Amino acid sequence: MKKLFTFVMTMLLGATLAFAQTGGGSTDTQTPPKTSGKKATKTSKAHKGGKKSKKGSSTTTTPPPK
């Protein structure tokens, strides 16, 4: 019985988190756009790219063609 309760609570928590993630829309009314002369920039806090590793120079490379 305890396993069933744990399963039901886990599914309920998962469903509420999924609903909160997808249904997190805005309830604001539409406001007219402001014209202050500045362009709006879209900022993103997401990590865009990973750290690029540099390849070490090896001493056995062939010289460039002449």
Protein backbone atom coordinates (compact mmCIF):
# COMPACT_ATOMS: atom_id res chain seq x y z
CA MET A 1 0.00 0.00 0.00
CA LYS A 2 2.91 2.32 0.76
CA LYS A 3 4.41 1.69 -2.68
CA LEU A 4 1.10 2.60 -4.32
CA PHE A 5 0.91 5.83 -2.32
CA THR A 6 4.49 6.71 -3.27
CA PHE A 7 3.77 5.99 -6.93
CA VAL A 8 0.61 8.11 -6.93
CA MET A 9 2.35 11.03 -5.21
CA THR A 10 5.28 10.83 -7.64
CA MET A 11 2.96 10.88 -10.62
CA LEU A 12 1.00 13.78 -9.15
CA LEU A 13 4.16 15.78 -8.54
CA GLY A 14 5.40 15.04 -12.06
CA ALA A 15 2.10 16.08 -13.58
CA THR A 16 1.99 19.35 -11.65
CA LEU A 17 5.54 20.22 -12.63
CA ALA A 18 4.86 19.40 -16.28
CA PHE A 19 1.71 21.50 -16.24
CA ALA A 20 3.53 24.40 -14.58
CA GLN A 21 6.29 24.24 -17.18
CA THR A 22 4.02 24.17 -20.23
CA GLY A 23 1.22 26.36 -18.91
CA GLY A 24 3.42 29.15 -17.60
CA GLY A 25 1.97 31.73 -19.96
CA SER A 26 1.42 35.37 -19.20
CA THR A 27 -1.90 36.76 -18.08
CA ASP A 28 -0.97 40.36 -18.87
CA THR A 29 -3.20 42.42 -21.09
CA GLN A 30 -1.62 43.72 -24.23
CA THR A 31 0.05 47.08 -23.81
CA PRO A 32 1.04 49.34 -26.69
CA PRO A 33 4.74 49.11 -27.56
CA LYS A 34 6.93 51.86 -26.19
CA THR A 35 8.83 53.97 -28.69
CA SER A 36 11.84 55.23 -26.77
CA GLY A 37 14.20 55.01 -29.73
CA LYS A 38 16.07 51.97 -28.42
CA LYS A 39 15.80 48.59 -30.04
CA ALA A 40 14.79 45.77 -27.78
CA THR A 41 17.41 43.11 -27.43
CA LYS A 42 16.53 39.57 -26.55
CA THR A 43 18.73 38.32 -23.76
CA SER A 44 19.12 34.67 -23.01
CA LYS A 45 20.43 33.22 -19.78
CA ALA A 46 20.87 29.79 -21.34
CA HIS A 47 24.35 28.39 -21.79
CA LYS A 48 24.89 28.54 -25.54
CA GLY A 49 28.16 26.74 -26.15
CA GLY A 50 30.66 24.61 -24.37
CA LYS A 51 34.31 25.28 -23.81
CA LYS A 52 36.27 24.63 -26.97
CA SER A 53 39.49 22.74 -26.39
CA LYS A 54 42.52 23.71 -28.42
CA LYS A 55 44.47 20.95 -30.04
CA GLY A 56 48.11 20.92 -29.04
CA SER A 57 50.65 21.35 -31.79
CA SER A 58 52.37 18.13 -32.61
CA THR A 59 55.96 17.99 -33.85
CA THR A 60 55.31 15.31 -36.48
CA THR A 61 53.24 17.44 -38.85
CA THR A 62 54.21 17.74 -42.49
CA PRO A 63 55.38 21.14 -43.73
CA PRO A 64 52.97 23.11 -45.96
CA PRO A 65 53.33 22.62 -49.73
CA LYS A 66 55.49 25.13 -51.63
